[in-house]
Amino acid sequence: MDIVLLVKGECANVELKLSEGKEKINMCKAIEDMKNDARNEGRADAQLTSIRNVMTNLGVSLQRAMEILGIPAESRKNTYQ
């Protein structure tokens, strides 16, 4: 089903698959969640690019590059190991 949504003054053509009678959908929350997911993906991509640039330009290891960029140790373990 194609639905055209008006989101904060902008038109968004969104394809949604909805099952009738199952559960209610909070469209505002769904859109905010999608925006947050995209934003977080962009941040992760930018961080990876920064790490690669530091490693290449300064000739340092992955661990050292993350230290230089101030990436917390707990984030390093979960994300880049």
C-alpha atoms as a PDB file:
ATOM      1  CA  MET A   1       0.000   0.000   0.000  1.00  0.00           C
ATOM      2  CA  ASP A   2       1.448   3.403  -0.933  1.00  0.00           C
ATOM      3  CA  ILE A   3       0.739   6.211   1.469  1.00  0.00           C
ATOM      4  CA  VAL A   4       1.764   9.810   1.108  1.00  0.00           C
ATOM      5  CA  LEU A   5       2.583  11.357   4.464  1.00  0.00           C
ATOM      6  CA  LEU A   6       2.998  14.977   5.401  1.00  0.00           C
ATOM      7  CA  VAL A   7       5.934  15.063   7.822  1.00  0.00           C
ATOM      8  CA  LYS A   8       6.729  18.450   9.340  1.00  0.00           C
ATOM      9  CA  GLY A   9       5.733  20.251   6.169  1.00  0.00           C
ATOM     10  CA  GLU A  10       7.491  17.804   3.824  1.00  0.00           C
ATOM     11  CA  CYS A  11       5.837  15.207   1.662  1.00  0.00           C
ATOM     12  CA  ALA A  12       7.222  11.679   1.964  1.00  0.00           C
ATOM     13  CA  ASN A  13       6.148   8.866  -0.352  1.00  0.00           C
ATOM     14  CA  VAL A  14       6.350   5.800   1.862  1.00  0.00           C
ATOM     15  CA  GLU A  15       5.451   2.216   1.051  1.00  0.00           C
ATOM     16  CA  LEU A  16       3.913   0.512   4.070  1.00  0.00           C
ATOM     17  CA  LYS A  17       2.667  -3.017   4.480  1.00  0.00           C
ATOM     18  CA  LEU A  18      -0.166  -2.921   6.993  1.00  0.00           C
ATOM     19  CA  SER A  19      -2.212  -5.845   8.255  1.00  0.00           C
ATOM     20  CA  GLU A  20      -5.751  -4.864   9.071  1.00  0.00           C
ATOM     21  CA  GLY A  21      -6.883  -5.406  12.617  1.00  0.00           C
ATOM     22  CA  LYS A  22      -3.542  -6.489  14.075  1.00  0.00           C
ATOM     23  CA  GLU A  23      -1.848  -3.684  15.989  1.00  0.00           C
ATOM     24  CA  LYS A  24      -1.904   0.068  16.046  1.00  0.00           C
ATOM     25  CA  ILE A  25       1.027   1.952  14.555  1.00  0.00           C
ATOM     26  CA  ASN A  26       2.265   5.196  16.065  1.00  0.00           C
ATOM     27  CA  MET A  27       3.467   6.830  12.840  1.00  0.00           C
ATOM     28  CA  CYS A  28       5.218   9.701  14.593  1.00  0.00           C
ATOM     29  CA  LYS A  29       7.265   7.276  16.692  1.00  0.00           C
ATOM     30  CA  ALA A  30       7.941   5.031  13.685  1.00  0.00           C
ATOM     31  CA  ILE A  31       9.266   7.980  11.673  1.00  0.00           C
ATOM     32  CA  GLU A  32      11.361   9.245  14.605  1.00  0.00           C
ATOM     33  CA  ASP A  33      12.813   5.740  15.047  1.00  0.00           C
ATOM     34  CA  MET A  34      13.710   5.576  11.337  1.00  0.00           C
ATOM     35  CA  LYS A  35      15.346   9.009  11.513  1.00  0.00           C
ATOM     36  CA  ASN A  36      17.316   8.026  14.622  1.00  0.00           C
ATOM     37  CA  ASP A  37      18.462   4.778  13.002  1.00  0.00           C
ATOM     38  CA  ALA A  38      19.654   6.661   9.925  1.00  0.00           C
ATOM     39  CA  ARG A  39      21.372   9.292  12.073  1.00  0.00           C
ATOM     40  CA  ASN A  40      23.177   6.623  14.126  1.00  0.00           C
ATOM     41  CA  GLU A  41      24.232   4.819  10.955  1.00  0.00           C
ATOM     42  CA  GLY A  42      25.667   8.062   9.605  1.00  0.00           C
ATOM     43  CA  ARG A  43      27.573   8.679  12.819  1.00  0.00           C
ATOM     44  CA  ALA A  44      29.036   5.161  12.772  1.00  0.00           C
ATOM     45  CA  ASP A  45      30.097   5.594   9.132  1.00  0.00           C
ATOM     46  CA  ALA A  46      31.730   8.942   9.921  1.00  0.00           C
ATOM     47  CA  GLN A  47      33.541   7.441  12.895  1.00  0.00           C
ATOM     48  CA  LEU A  48      34.889   4.578  10.776  1.00  0.00           C
ATOM     49  CA  THR A  49      36.076   7.055   8.172  1.00  0.00           C
ATOM     50  CA  SER A  50      37.824   9.083  10.869  1.00  0.00           C
ATOM     51  CA  ILE A  51      39.516   5.991  12.272  1.00  0.00           C
ATOM     52  CA  ARG A  52      40.741   4.960   8.824  1.00  0.00           C
ATOM     53  CA  ASN A  53      42.021   8.469   8.111  1.00  0.00           C
ATOM     54  CA  VAL A  54      43.944   8.639  11.399  1.00  0.00           C
ATOM     55  CA  MET A  55      45.426   5.178  10.808  1.00  0.00           C
ATOM     56  CA  THR A  56      46.478   6.068   7.266  1.00  0.00           C
ATOM     57  CA  ASN A  57      47.666   9.629   7.800  1.00  0.00           C
ATOM     58  CA  LEU A  58      49.445   9.076  11.097  1.00  0.00           C
ATOM     59  CA  GLY A  59      50.497   5.479  10.511  1.00  0.00           C
ATOM     60  CA  VAL A  60      49.069   4.250  13.809  1.00  0.00           C
ATOM     61  CA  SER A  61      47.279   1.081  14.887  1.00  0.00           C
ATOM     62  CA  LEU A  62      43.536   0.712  15.201  1.00  0.00           C
ATOM     63  CA  GLN A  63      43.762   0.955  18.994  1.00  0.00           C
ATOM     64  CA  ARG A  64      45.889   4.114  18.857  1.00  0.00           C
ATOM     65  CA  ALA A  65      43.596   5.729  16.283  1.00  0.00           C
ATOM     66  CA  MET A  66      40.592   5.162  18.555  1.00  0.00           C
ATOM     67  CA  GLU A  67      42.543   6.612  21.509  1.00  0.00           C
ATOM     68  CA  ILE A  68      43.457   9.701  19.458  1.00  0.00           C
ATOM     69  CA  LEU A  69      39.802  10.157  18.495  1.00  0.00           C
ATOM     70  CA  GLY A  70      38.687   9.759  22.102  1.00  0.00           C
ATOM     71  CA  ILE A  71      36.494   6.720  21.480  1.00  0.00           C
ATOM     72  CA  PRO A  72      35.685   5.237  24.914  1.00  0.00           C
ATOM     73  CA  ALA A  73      37.149   1.790  25.672  1.00  0.00           C
ATOM     74  CA  GLU A  74      33.699   0.222  26.167  1.00  0.00           C
ATOM     75  CA  SER A  75      32.630   1.386  22.696  1.00  0.00           C
ATOM     76  CA  ARG A  76      35.800   0.007  21.134  1.00  0.00           C
ATOM     77  CA  LYS A  77      35.163  -3.504  22.411  1.00  0.00           C
ATOM     78  CA  ASN A  78      31.596  -3.669  21.172  1.00  0.00           C
ATOM     79  CA  THR A  79      32.030  -1.931  17.856  1.00  0.00           C
ATOM     80  CA  TYR A  80      35.454  -2.477  16.375  1.00  0.00           C
ATOM     81  CA  GLN A  81      36.871  -5.698  17.806  1.00  0.00           C
END
